[in-house]
C-alpha atoms as a PDB file:
ATOM      1  CA  MET A   1       5.107 -14.426 -17.133  1.00  0.00           C
ATOM      2  CA  HIS A   2       1.522 -12.700 -16.378  1.00  0.00           C
ATOM      3  CA  PHE A   3       0.807  -9.527 -14.425  1.00  0.00           C
ATOM      4  CA  ALA A   4      -2.507  -8.944 -12.128  1.00  0.00           C
ATOM      5  CA  ILE A   5      -3.534  -5.862 -10.020  1.00  0.00           C
ATOM      6  CA  SER A   6      -5.312  -5.685  -6.664  1.00  0.00           C
ATOM      7  CA  ILE A   7      -8.731  -4.408  -6.532  1.00  0.00           C
ATOM      8  CA  PRO A   8      -9.073  -1.429  -4.200  1.00  0.00           C
ATOM      9  CA  GLN A   9     -10.841  -2.722  -1.209  1.00  0.00           C
ATOM     10  CA  ARG A  10     -10.153  -0.121   1.571  1.00  0.00           C
ATOM     11  CA  VAL A  11     -13.469   1.807   1.770  1.00  0.00           C
ATOM     12  CA  PRO A  12     -14.364   3.719   4.854  1.00  0.00           C
ATOM     13  CA  ASP A  13     -18.140   3.901   5.628  1.00  0.00           C
ATOM     14  CA  GLY A  14     -20.222   5.991   3.045  1.00  0.00           C
ATOM     15  CA  THR A  15     -17.032   6.809   1.081  1.00  0.00           C
ATOM     16  CA  PHE A  16     -17.689   4.064  -2.050  1.00  0.00           C
ATOM     17  CA  ASP A  17     -17.176   5.596  -5.376  1.00  0.00           C
ATOM     18  CA  PRO A  18     -18.974   3.326  -8.108  1.00  0.00           C
ATOM     19  CA  ALA A  19     -17.959   5.314 -10.722  1.00  0.00           C
ATOM     20  CA  LYS A  20     -14.238   5.760  -9.678  1.00  0.00           C
ATOM     21  CA  LEU A  21     -13.864   1.802  -9.084  1.00  0.00           C
ATOM     22  CA  ARG A  22     -15.505   1.164 -12.531  1.00  0.00           C
ATOM     23  CA  ASP A  23     -13.125   3.285 -14.267  1.00  0.00           C
ATOM     24  CA  TYR A  24     -10.217   1.576 -12.388  1.00  0.00           C
ATOM     25  CA  LEU A  25     -11.508  -1.756 -13.382  1.00  0.00           C
ATOM     26  CA  THR A  26     -11.895  -0.801 -17.227  1.00  0.00           C
ATOM     27  CA  ARG A  27      -8.536   0.842 -17.132  1.00  0.00           C
ATOM     28  CA  ALA A  28      -6.798  -2.426 -15.783  1.00  0.00           C
ATOM     29  CA  GLU A  29      -8.603  -4.381 -18.461  1.00  0.00           C
ATOM     30  CA  SER A  30      -7.395  -1.920 -21.279  1.00  0.00           C
ATOM     31  CA  LEU A  31      -3.603  -1.906 -20.105  1.00  0.00           C
ATOM     32  CA  GLY A  32      -3.896  -5.665 -20.599  1.00  0.00           C
ATOM     33  CA  PHE A  33      -3.368  -7.068 -17.006  1.00  0.00           C
ATOM     34  CA  HIS A  34      -4.245 -10.715 -16.895  1.00  0.00           C
ATOM     35  CA  SER A  35      -6.495 -10.668 -13.764  1.00  0.00           C
ATOM     36  CA  ALA A  36      -7.525  -8.355 -10.809  1.00  0.00           C
ATOM     37  CA  TRP A  37      -7.528  -9.789  -7.300  1.00  0.00           C
ATOM     38  CA  THR A  38      -9.216  -9.224  -3.682  1.00  0.00           C
ATOM     39  CA  GLN A  39      -8.685 -10.488  -0.238  1.00  0.00           C
ATOM     40  CA  GLU A  40     -10.740 -11.844   2.232  1.00  0.00           C
ATOM     41  CA  VAL A  41     -10.543  -9.950   5.777  1.00  0.00           C
ATOM     42  CA  VAL A  42     -14.039 -10.266   7.582  1.00  0.00           C
ATOM     43  CA  LEU A  43     -12.824  -8.976  11.046  1.00  0.00           C
ATOM     44  CA  GLY A  44     -10.032  -6.681  11.969  1.00  0.00           C
ATOM     45  CA  SER A  45      -7.164  -7.050  14.590  1.00  0.00           C
ATOM     46  CA  ALA A  46      -7.021 -10.796  14.099  1.00  0.00           C
ATOM     47  CA  PRO A  47      -3.341 -12.170  14.107  1.00  0.00           C
ATOM     48  CA  ALA A  48      -2.240 -12.769  10.522  1.00  0.00           C
ATOM     49  CA  LEU A  49      -1.363 -16.081   8.822  1.00  0.00           C
ATOM     50  CA  ALA A  50       2.080 -16.909  10.238  1.00  0.00           C
ATOM     51  CA  PRO A  51       4.948 -15.027  11.861  1.00  0.00           C
ATOM     52  CA  LEU A  52       7.264 -13.090   9.520  1.00  0.00           C
ATOM     53  CA  GLU A  53      11.194 -13.986   9.415  1.00  0.00           C
ATOM     54  CA  LEU A  54      12.460 -10.481   9.148  1.00  0.00           C
ATOM     55  CA  ARG A  55      15.877  -8.760   9.602  1.00  0.00           C
ATOM     56  CA  SER A  56      15.007  -8.038  13.068  1.00  0.00           C
ATOM     57  CA  GLY A  57      14.125 -11.504  13.530  1.00  0.00           C
ATOM     58  CA  THR A  58      10.669 -13.431  13.980  1.00  0.00           C
ATOM     59  CA  GLN A  59       7.875 -11.083  15.013  1.00  0.00           C
ATOM     60  CA  LYS A  60       4.203 -11.826  14.942  1.00  0.00           C
ATOM     61  CA  ILE A  61       1.921  -9.437  13.031  1.00  0.00           C
ATOM     62  CA  GLU A  62      -1.744  -8.629  13.258  1.00  0.00           C
ATOM     63  CA  PHE A  63      -4.317  -7.413  10.979  1.00  0.00           C
ATOM     64  CA  GLY A  64      -5.080  -3.838  11.394  1.00  0.00           C
ATOM     65  CA  SER A  65      -8.757  -2.747  11.556  1.00  0.00           C
ATOM     66  CA  VAL A  66      -8.861  -1.758   8.088  1.00  0.00           C
ATOM     67  CA  PRO A  67     -12.185  -1.096   6.691  1.00  0.00           C
ATOM     68  CA  THR A  68     -12.339  -3.774   3.731  1.00  0.00           C
ATOM     69  CA  LEU A  69     -15.231  -4.470   1.454  1.00  0.00           C
ATOM     70  CA  ALA A  70     -15.996  -8.286   0.927  1.00  0.00           C
ATOM     71  CA  PRO A  71     -14.581 -10.298  -1.740  1.00  0.00           C
ATOM     72  CA  LEU A  72     -17.233 -12.029  -3.426  1.00  0.00           C
ATOM     73  CA  GLU A  73     -19.447  -8.740  -3.595  1.00  0.00           C
ATOM     74  CA  LEU A  74     -16.411  -6.752  -4.822  1.00  0.00           C
ATOM     75  CA  MET A  75     -15.585  -9.285  -7.593  1.00  0.00           C
ATOM     76  CA  THR A  76     -19.377  -9.377  -8.701  1.00  0.00           C
ATOM     77  CA  PHE A  77     -19.314  -5.567  -9.320  1.00  0.00           C
ATOM     78  CA  ALA A  78     -16.140  -5.875 -11.003  1.00  0.00           C
ATOM     79  CA  ALA A  79     -17.440  -8.613 -13.505  1.00  0.00           C
ATOM     80  CA  ALA A  80     -20.244  -6.136 -14.376  1.00  0.00           C
ATOM     81  CA  CYS A  81     -17.847  -3.448 -15.174  1.00  0.00           C
ATOM     82  CA  THR A  82     -15.657  -5.644 -17.362  1.00  0.00           C
ATOM     83  CA  THR A  83     -15.743  -8.124 -20.025  1.00  0.00           C
ATOM     84  CA  ARG A  84     -12.100  -9.692 -20.451  1.00  0.00           C
ATOM     85  CA  LEU A  85     -10.550  -9.274 -17.338  1.00  0.00           C
ATOM     86  CA  ARG A  86     -10.158 -12.325 -14.900  1.00  0.00           C
ATOM     87  CA  LEU A  87     -10.995 -12.022 -11.368  1.00  0.00           C
ATOM     88  CA  GLY A  88     -10.124 -13.636  -8.198  1.00  0.00           C
ATOM     89  CA  CYS A  89      -9.851 -13.861  -4.261  1.00  0.00           C
ATOM     90  CA  ALA A  90      -6.527 -14.664  -2.701  1.00  0.00           C
ATOM     91  CA  VAL A  91      -7.605 -16.068  -0.635  1.00  0.00           C
ATOM     92  CA  PHE A  92     -10.868 -16.862   0.878  1.00  0.00           C
ATOM     93  CA  VAL A  93     -10.084 -18.338   4.489  1.00  0.00           C
ATOM     94  CA  SER A  94     -12.436 -21.394   3.569  1.00  0.00           C
ATOM     95  CA  PRO A  95     -12.808 -23.138   7.037  1.00  0.00           C
ATOM     96  CA  LEU A  96     -14.796 -20.230   8.261  1.00  0.00           C
ATOM     97  CA  HIS A  97     -17.256 -20.536   5.495  1.00  0.00           C
ATOM     98  CA  ASN A  98     -20.239 -23.339   4.669  1.00  0.00           C
ATOM     99  CA  PRO A  99     -18.494 -24.830   1.670  1.00  0.00           C
ATOM    100  CA  ILE A 100     -21.845 -25.496   0.044  1.00  0.00           C
ATOM    101  CA  HIS A 101     -22.640 -21.752   0.031  1.00  0.00           C
ATOM    102  CA  LEU A 102     -19.321 -20.832  -0.993  1.00  0.00           C
ATOM    103  CA  ALA A 103     -19.435 -23.350  -3.881  1.00  0.00           C
ATOM    104  CA  LYS A 104     -22.823 -22.092  -4.901  1.00  0.00           C
ATOM    105  CA  SER A 105     -21.691 -18.365  -4.614  1.00  0.00           C
ATOM    106  CA  ILE A 106     -18.464 -18.895  -7.025  1.00  0.00           C
ATOM    107  CA  SER A 107     -20.527 -21.310  -9.294  1.00  0.00           C
ATOM    108  CA  THR A 108     -23.013 -18.317  -9.547  1.00  0.00           C
ATOM    109  CA  LEU A 109     -20.207 -15.717 -10.368  1.00  0.00           C
ATOM    110  CA  ASP A 110     -18.647 -17.828 -12.781  1.00  0.00           C
ATOM    111  CA  GLN A 111     -21.679 -18.053 -14.670  1.00  0.00           C
ATOM    112  CA  LEU A 112     -22.482 -14.203 -14.595  1.00  0.00           C
ATOM    113  CA  SER A 113     -18.740 -13.515 -15.777  1.00  0.00           C
ATOM    114  CA  ARG A 114     -18.902 -16.097 -18.274  1.00  0.00           C
ATOM    115  CA  GLY A 115     -15.868 -18.182 -16.873  1.00  0.00           C
ATOM    116  CA  ARG A 116     -13.417 -15.336 -15.634  1.00  0.00           C
ATOM    117  CA  ILE A 117     -13.414 -16.423 -11.788  1.00  0.00           C
ATOM    118  CA  GLU A 118      -9.921 -17.530 -10.156  1.00  0.00           C
ATOM    119  CA  VAL A 119     -10.457 -19.103  -6.500  1.00  0.00           C
ATOM    120  CA  GLY A 120      -7.787 -18.872  -4.032  1.00  0.00           C
ATOM    121  CA  VAL A 121      -8.394 -20.454  -0.602  1.00  0.00           C
ATOM    122  CA  GLY A 122      -6.391 -21.221   2.611  1.00  0.00           C
ATOM    123  CA  SER A 123      -6.688 -22.485   6.041  1.00  0.00           C
ATOM    124  CA  GLY A 124      -6.165 -19.288   7.458  1.00  0.00           C
ATOM    125  CA  GLY A 125      -3.539 -20.700  10.290  1.00  0.00           C
ATOM    126  CA  GLY A 126      -3.731 -20.275  13.870  1.00  0.00           C
ATOM    127  CA  GLY A 127      -4.895 -17.337  16.155  1.00  0.00           C
ATOM    128  CA  ARG A 128      -7.903 -16.256  14.211  1.00  0.00           C
ATOM    129  CA  MET A 129     -11.095 -15.368  16.071  1.00  0.00           C
ATOM    130  CA  PHE A 130     -12.520 -18.865  15.455  1.00  0.00           C
ATOM    131  CA  SER A 131     -15.094 -18.643  17.940  1.00  0.00           C
ATOM    132  CA  ALA A 132     -16.908 -15.957  15.830  1.00  0.00           C
ATOM    133  CA  PHE A 133     -17.418 -18.644  13.358  1.00  0.00           C
ATOM    134  CA  GLU A 134     -17.898 -21.604  15.443  1.00  0.00           C
ATOM    135  CA  VAL A 135     -15.126 -23.205  14.134  1.00  0.00           C
ATOM    136  CA  ASP A 136     -12.630 -25.367  16.470  1.00  0.00           C
ATOM    137  CA  PRO A 137      -9.220 -24.473  15.794  1.00  0.00           C
ATOM    138  CA  ALA A 138      -8.054 -27.816  16.500  1.00  0.00           C
ATOM    139  CA  SER A 139      -9.992 -29.328  13.611  1.00  0.00           C
ATOM    140  CA  LEU A 140      -8.939 -26.472  11.255  1.00  0.00           C
ATOM    141  CA  ILE A 141      -7.086 -28.472   8.555  1.00  0.00           C
ATOM    142  CA  ALA A 142      -9.519 -31.359   8.560  1.00  0.00           C
ATOM    143  CA  ARG A 143     -12.308 -28.897   8.019  1.00  0.00           C
ATOM    144  CA  PHE A 144     -10.161 -27.111   5.113  1.00  0.00           C
ATOM    145  CA  THR A 145      -9.531 -30.133   3.206  1.00  0.00           C
ATOM    146  CA  GLU A 146     -12.965 -31.757   3.737  1.00  0.00           C
ATOM    147  CA  GLY A 147     -14.615 -28.427   2.602  1.00  0.00           C
ATOM    148  CA  LEU A 148     -12.614 -28.291  -0.599  1.00  0.00           C
ATOM    149  CA  ARG A 149     -13.481 -32.086  -1.334  1.00  0.00           C
ATOM    150  CA  LEU A 150     -17.107 -31.057  -0.818  1.00  0.00           C
ATOM    151  CA  MET A 151     -16.994 -27.771  -3.032  1.00  0.00           C
ATOM    152  CA  LYS A 152     -15.397 -29.791  -5.893  1.00  0.00           C
ATOM    153  CA  ALA A 153     -18.220 -32.442  -5.359  1.00  0.00           C
ATOM    154  CA  CYS A 154     -20.745 -29.583  -5.788  1.00  0.00           C
ATOM    155  CA  TRP A 155     -19.153 -28.250  -8.830  1.00  0.00           C
ATOM    156  CA  THR A 156     -18.655 -31.652 -10.611  1.00  0.00           C
ATOM    157  CA  GLU A 157     -21.131 -34.249  -9.464  1.00  0.00           C
ATOM    158  CA  PRO A 158     -24.764 -34.498 -10.799  1.00  0.00           C
ATOM    159  CA  ARG A 159     -25.818 -36.183  -7.533  1.00  0.00           C
ATOM    160  CA  ILE A 160     -23.816 -35.342  -4.506  1.00  0.00           C
ATOM    161  CA  ASN A 161     -23.490 -38.126  -2.074  1.00  0.00           C
ATOM    162  CA  PHE A 162     -21.039 -36.939   0.720  1.00  0.00           C
ATOM    163  CA  SER A 163     -20.437 -38.562   4.219  1.00  0.00           C
ATOM    164  CA  GLY A 164     -17.752 -36.615   6.042  1.00  0.00           C
ATOM    165  CA  ARG A 165     -16.892 -35.682   9.443  1.00  0.00           C
ATOM    166  CA  PHE A 166     -18.298 -32.248   9.280  1.00  0.00           C
ATOM    167  CA  TRP A 167     -20.827 -32.386   6.163  1.00  0.00           C
ATOM    168  CA  GLN A 168     -23.341 -35.085   5.017  1.00  0.00           C
ATOM    169  CA  LEU A 169     -25.132 -34.938   1.747  1.00  0.00           C
ATOM    170  CA  ASP A 170     -27.545 -37.582   0.244  1.00  0.00           C
ATOM    171  CA  GLY A 171     -28.677 -37.269  -3.149  1.00  0.00           C
ATOM    172  CA  ALA A 172     -28.212 -33.794  -3.325  1.00  0.00           C
ATOM    173  CA  SER A 173     -27.763 -31.722  -6.606  1.00  0.00           C
ATOM    174  CA  MET A 174     -26.293 -28.140  -7.171  1.00  0.00           C
ATOM    175  CA  GLU A 175     -26.994 -26.075 -10.436  1.00  0.00           C
ATOM    176  CA  PRO A 176     -25.966 -24.546 -12.450  1.00  0.00           C
ATOM    177  CA  LYS A 177     -22.337 -25.797 -12.243  1.00  0.00           C
ATOM    178  CA  PRO A 178     -19.370 -23.335 -12.822  1.00  0.00           C
ATOM    179  CA  PHE A 179     -18.967 -21.953 -16.245  1.00  0.00           C
ATOM    180  CA  GLN A 180     -15.471 -23.282 -16.417  1.00  0.00           C
ATOM    181  CA  LYS A 181     -15.042 -26.939 -16.437  1.00  0.00           C
ATOM    182  CA  PRO A 182     -14.586 -28.911 -14.154  1.00  0.00           C
ATOM    183  CA  TYR A 183     -14.516 -25.737 -12.036  1.00  0.00           C
ATOM    184  CA  PRO A 184     -12.505 -22.441 -12.135  1.00  0.00           C
ATOM    185  CA  PRO A 185      -8.642 -22.426 -11.342  1.00  0.00           C
ATOM    186  CA  LEU A 186      -8.231 -23.264  -7.650  1.00  0.00           C
ATOM    187  CA  TRP A 187      -5.233 -21.616  -6.008  1.00  0.00           C
ATOM    188  CA  ILE A 188      -4.021 -22.619  -2.533  1.00  0.00           C
ATOM    189  CA  GLY A 189      -2.440 -20.001  -0.279  1.00  0.00           C
ATOM    190  CA  ALA A 190      -0.090 -21.468   2.143  1.00  0.00           C
ATOM    191  CA  ASN A 191       3.242 -20.700   4.153  1.00  0.00           C
ATOM    192  CA  HIS A 192       3.945 -24.040   6.234  1.00  0.00           C
ATOM    193  CA  PRO A 193       5.961 -26.625   4.109  1.00  0.00           C
ATOM    194  CA  ALA A 194       3.300 -29.029   4.844  1.00  0.00           C
ATOM    195  CA  ALA A 195       0.764 -26.705   3.685  1.00  0.00           C
ATOM    196  CA  VAL A 196       2.682 -25.760   0.702  1.00  0.00           C
ATOM    197  CA  ARG A 197       2.867 -29.454  -0.276  1.00  0.00           C
ATOM    198  CA  ARG A 198      -0.871 -29.682   0.327  1.00  0.00           C
ATOM    199  CA  ALA A 199      -1.536 -27.246  -2.631  1.00  0.00           C
ATOM    200  CA  LEU A 200      -0.477 -30.031  -4.896  1.00  0.00           C
ATOM    201  CA  ARG A 201      -3.036 -32.443  -3.542  1.00  0.00           C
ATOM    202  CA  TYR A 202      -5.661 -30.043  -3.556  1.00  0.00           C
ATOM    203  CA  GLY A 203      -5.224 -27.194  -6.163  1.00  0.00           C
ATOM    204  CA  ASN A 204      -4.039 -26.260  -9.544  1.00  0.00           C
ATOM    205  CA  GLY A 205      -1.763 -23.608  -8.192  1.00  0.00           C
ATOM    206  CA  PHE A 206      -0.022 -22.106  -5.395  1.00  0.00           C
ATOM    207  CA  PHE A 207      -0.256 -18.421  -4.512  1.00  0.00           C
ATOM    208  CA  GLY A 208       2.449 -16.920  -2.313  1.00  0.00           C
ATOM    209  CA  ALA A 209       1.452 -14.449   0.360  1.00  0.00           C
ATOM    210  CA  GLY A 210       2.206 -10.835   0.181  1.00  0.00           C
ATOM    211  CA  SER A 211       3.497 -10.957   3.918  1.00  0.00           C
ATOM    212  CA  SER A 212       6.269 -13.383   2.625  1.00  0.00           C
ATOM    213  CA  THR A 213       9.710 -11.998   1.430  1.00  0.00           C
ATOM    214  CA  THR A 214      10.965 -13.107  -1.969  1.00  0.00           C
ATOM    215  CA  ALA A 215      13.664 -15.229  -0.019  1.00  0.00           C
ATOM    216  CA  GLN A 216      10.880 -17.005   1.882  1.00  0.00           C
ATOM    217  CA  PHE A 217       8.860 -17.237  -1.318  1.00  0.00           C
ATOM    218  CA  ALA A 218      11.825 -18.849  -3.077  1.00  0.00           C
ATOM    219  CA  GLN A 219      12.080 -21.517  -0.054  1.00  0.00           C
ATOM    220  CA  GLN A 220       8.410 -22.251  -0.510  1.00  0.00           C
ATOM    221  CA  ILE A 221       9.064 -22.740  -4.188  1.00  0.00           C
ATOM    222  CA  HIS A 222      11.872 -25.200  -3.472  1.00  0.00           C
ATOM    223  CA  VAL A 223       9.706 -27.300  -1.205  1.00  0.00           C
ATOM    224  CA  LEU A 224       6.727 -27.185  -3.889  1.00  0.00           C
ATOM    225  CA  ARG A 225       9.155 -28.291  -6.550  1.00  0.00           C
ATOM    226  CA  GLU A 226      10.803 -31.080  -4.660  1.00  0.00           C
ATOM    227  CA  ALA A 227       6.969 -32.230  -3.943  1.00  0.00           C
ATOM    228  CA  LEU A 228       6.022 -31.885  -7.599  1.00  0.00           C
ATOM    229  CA  ALA A 229       9.149 -33.980  -8.700  1.00  0.00           C
ATOM    230  CA  GLU A 230       7.908 -36.748  -6.603  1.00  0.00           C
ATOM    231  CA  SER A 231       4.340 -36.708  -7.418  1.00  0.00           C
ATOM    232  CA  LYS A 232       2.705 -37.511 -10.543  1.00  0.00           C
ATOM    233  CA  GLN A 233       0.889 -33.892 -10.674  1.00  0.00           C
ATOM    234  CA  ASP A 234      -0.335 -32.157 -13.669  1.00  0.00           C
ATOM    235  CA  PRO A 235       2.916 -30.335 -15.146  1.00  0.00           C
ATOM    236  CA  SER A 236       0.678 -27.321 -15.779  1.00  0.00           C
ATOM    237  CA  PHE A 237       0.394 -26.363 -12.163  1.00  0.00           C
ATOM    238  CA  GLN A 238       0.840 -22.747 -11.586  1.00  0.00           C
ATOM    239  CA  ILE A 239       2.637 -20.479  -8.986  1.00  0.00           C
ATOM    240  CA  ALA A 240       1.964 -16.889  -8.218  1.00  0.00           C
ATOM    241  CA  LYS A 241       3.026 -14.318  -5.613  1.00  0.00           C
ATOM    242  CA  ARG A 242       1.219 -11.259  -4.250  1.00  0.00           C
ATOM    243  CA  VAL A 243       3.607  -8.302  -4.078  1.00  0.00           C
ATOM    244  CA  TYR A 244       3.168  -4.974  -2.289  1.00  0.00           C
ATOM    245  CA  ILE A 245       4.623  -2.111  -4.274  1.00  0.00           C
ATOM    246  CA  ALA A 246       5.183   1.391  -4.705  1.00  0.00           C
ATOM    247  CA  VAL A 247       6.646   3.145  -7.343  1.00  0.00           C
ATOM    248  CA  ASP A 248       8.176   6.451  -6.246  1.00  0.00           C
ATOM    249  CA  ASP A 249      11.440   8.110  -7.375  1.00  0.00           C
ATOM    250  CA  ASN A 250      11.977   9.440  -3.817  1.00  0.00           C
ATOM    251  CA  VAL A 251      13.215   6.141  -2.014  1.00  0.00           C
ATOM    252  CA  THR A 252      12.916   7.689   1.525  1.00  0.00           C
ATOM    253  CA  ARG A 253       9.436   8.631   0.814  1.00  0.00           C
ATOM    254  CA  ALA A 254       8.621   5.544  -0.578  1.00  0.00           C
ATOM    255  CA  HIS A 255       9.691   3.554   2.517  1.00  0.00           C
ATOM    256  CA  GLU A 256       8.030   5.807   4.893  1.00  0.00           C
ATOM    257  CA  ARG A 257       4.800   5.248   2.970  1.00  0.00           C
ATOM    258  CA  VAL A 258       5.297   1.544   2.319  1.00  0.00           C
ATOM    259  CA  ASP A 259       5.671   0.915   6.096  1.00  0.00           C
ATOM    260  CA  ALA A 260       2.892   3.045   6.988  1.00  0.00           C
ATOM    261  CA  GLY A 261       0.553   1.151   4.423  1.00  0.00           C
ATOM    262  CA  LEU A 262       1.667  -2.048   5.880  1.00  0.00           C
ATOM    263  CA  LYS A 263       1.333  -1.045   9.510  1.00  0.00           C
ATOM    264  CA  GLN A 264      -2.452  -0.140   8.645  1.00  0.00           C
ATOM    265  CA  ILE A 265      -2.923  -3.710   7.414  1.00  0.00           C
ATOM    266  CA  TYR A 266      -0.953  -5.741  10.058  1.00  0.00           C
ATOM    267  CA  GLY A 267      -0.789  -3.401  12.598  1.00  0.00           C
ATOM    268  CA  SER A 268       3.257  -3.802  12.976  1.00  0.00           C
ATOM    269  CA  SER A 269       6.265  -1.571  11.627  1.00  0.00           C
ATOM    270  CA  GLY A 270       9.035  -2.964  10.325  1.00  0.00           C
ATOM    271  CA  MET A 271       7.594  -4.877   7.481  1.00  0.00           C
ATOM    272  CA  THR A 272       9.076  -3.265   4.364  1.00  0.00           C
ATOM    273  CA  ALA A 273      11.089  -6.552   3.810  1.00  0.00           C
ATOM    274  CA  VAL A 274       8.220  -7.849   2.091  1.00  0.00           C
ATOM    275  CA  ALA A 275       7.759  -5.161  -0.359  1.00  0.00           C
ATOM    276  CA  VAL A 276       9.259  -3.733  -3.705  1.00  0.00           C
ATOM    277  CA  TYR A 277       9.369  -0.117  -3.636  1.00  0.00           C
ATOM    278  CA  GLY A 278      11.566   2.615  -5.202  1.00  0.00           C
ATOM    279  CA  PRO A 279      12.121   4.120  -8.375  1.00  0.00           C
ATOM    280  CA  PRO A 280      10.816   2.145 -11.540  1.00  0.00           C
ATOM    281  CA  SER A 281      14.492   0.618 -11.566  1.00  0.00           C
ATOM    282  CA  ALA A 282      14.355  -0.744  -8.059  1.00  0.00           C
ATOM    283  CA  CYS A 283      10.677  -1.943  -8.769  1.00  0.00           C
ATOM    284  CA  ILE A 284      11.839  -3.573 -12.016  1.00  0.00           C
ATOM    285  CA  LYS A 285      14.721  -5.508 -10.067  1.00  0.00           C
ATOM    286  CA  GLY A 286      12.538  -6.858  -7.386  1.00  0.00           C
ATOM    287  CA  LEU A 287      10.072  -8.030  -9.760  1.00  0.00           C
ATOM    288  CA  ARG A 288      12.640  -9.789 -11.671  1.00  0.00           C
ATOM    289  CA  GLU A 289      13.836 -11.357  -8.535  1.00  0.00           C
ATOM    290  CA  VAL A 290      10.340 -12.625  -7.596  1.00  0.00           C
ATOM    291  CA  ALA A 291       9.810 -13.989 -11.172  1.00  0.00           C
ATOM    292  CA  ASP A 292      13.277 -15.791 -11.002  1.00  0.00           C
ATOM    293  CA  ALA A 293      12.022 -17.287  -7.616  1.00  0.00           C
ATOM    294  CA  GLY A 294       9.353 -19.168  -9.671  1.00  0.00           C
ATOM    295  CA  ALA A 295       6.579 -16.739  -9.796  1.00  0.00           C
ATOM    296  CA  GLU A 296       4.464 -17.372 -13.343  1.00  0.00           C
ATOM    297  CA  LEU A 297       1.800 -14.690 -12.048  1.00  0.00           C
ATOM    298  CA  ILE A 298       2.766 -11.608 -10.227  1.00  0.00           C
ATOM    299  CA  GLN A 299      -0.078  -9.897  -8.427  1.00  0.00           C
ATOM    300  CA  LEU A 300       0.774  -6.147  -8.013  1.00  0.00           C
ATOM    301  CA  HIS A 301      -0.409  -4.535  -4.837  1.00  0.00           C
ATOM    302  CA  PRO A 302      -0.080  -0.964  -4.523  1.00  0.00           C
ATOM    303  CA  LEU A 303      -0.283   0.338  -0.973  1.00  0.00           C
ATOM    304  CA  PHE A 304      -1.751   3.891  -1.865  1.00  0.00           C
ATOM    305  CA  ASP A 305      -2.722   6.072  -4.903  1.00  0.00           C
ATOM    306  CA  GLU A 306      -3.942   2.790  -6.675  1.00  0.00           C
ATOM    307  CA  ALA A 307      -4.944   4.201 -10.044  1.00  0.00           C
ATOM    308  CA  GLU A 308      -1.551   6.457 -10.128  1.00  0.00           C
ATOM    309  CA  GLN A 309       0.473   3.524  -9.346  1.00  0.00           C
ATOM    310  CA  MET A 310      -1.266   1.203 -12.074  1.00  0.00           C
ATOM    311  CA  GLU A 311      -0.438   3.534 -14.841  1.00  0.00           C
ATOM    312  CA  ARG A 312       3.292   3.976 -13.477  1.00  0.00           C
ATOM    313  CA  LEU A 313       3.338   0.252 -13.313  1.00  0.00           C
ATOM    314  CA  ALA A 314       1.960  -0.404 -16.668  1.00  0.00           C
ATOM    315  CA  ALA A 315       4.156   2.449 -18.342  1.00  0.00           C
ATOM    316  CA  GLU A 316       7.522   2.086 -16.572  1.00  0.00           C
ATOM    317  CA  VAL A 317       7.968  -1.399 -14.815  1.00  0.00           C
ATOM    318  CA  ILE A 318       6.000  -4.412 -16.264  1.00  0.00           C
ATOM    319  CA  SER A 319       7.400  -4.448 -19.931  1.00  0.00           C
ATOM    320  CA  GLU A 320      10.961  -4.370 -18.595  1.00  0.00           C
ATOM    321  CA  VAL A 321      10.106  -7.553 -16.239  1.00  0.00           C
ATOM    322  CA  GLN A 322       8.616  -9.338 -19.165  1.00  0.00           C
ATOM    323  CA  ASN A 323      11.272  -8.309 -21.742  1.00  0.00           C
ATOM    324  CA  ASN A 324      13.980  -9.523 -19.304  1.00  0.00           C
END
């Protein structure tokens, strides 16, 4: 069982404090976190990956207009501030990228960090502002899978000959390759059962979304393990889950702050069922349930007071979950 922490990304215009973020990252490394993760939100007010099935029924949610730093640049800053901490993005919405540019950037960052990069990708689902990226939503999955094949070719082949529906290369080369061979760990983020199964075909691991409840995550892992049993997939395939979390001895206050934090991100209230919150005992219990559902890596995503929350999680929660 490994624990990761989110890198704070919500930065209103003109408020970025490099010293504060550097201290946060070096402290995360000294506390022994396995990795630190970013997300990708290019445009606000776009529908989220999928409807949530909460206690109140199925509801559609939207990303709020939260000022969010871009993941690659933030990971580069983090790489310069640390020496051991692994760094990832969960997830790049890869169909919105040119896969050659994305592959080059990731390869470069893996070299700069001396092989500390983890790569999460997802199709992004329907309802996004595809017109802003010149992407036809009808071809989203085809673009996603072809883009992944092309990125792997860029990372592994000395001469790239690629004849695809969207991209064609003839005798091209991309150097340097990633520091990690054949390429950084590739995580697939998904919700739909077909997309969960797709993670086995294209990735080294599955990354459960923070917007999924633990029960939904357990269902996804059931689908994944059935598919894994039927396939000849490498048994080292990994499973992770991002968890919104808040350690607060006052349960009522914790609920209110978690609801407000999730509303800021997704634009909807009533989403606290996806989070783990309350006093340390409640957080320990909630994280044990995530681990029991199948998570081998849990990415903790504090919704407020990130530095203070990271200290409490390290001191009062993580060791108890690991010692279960």
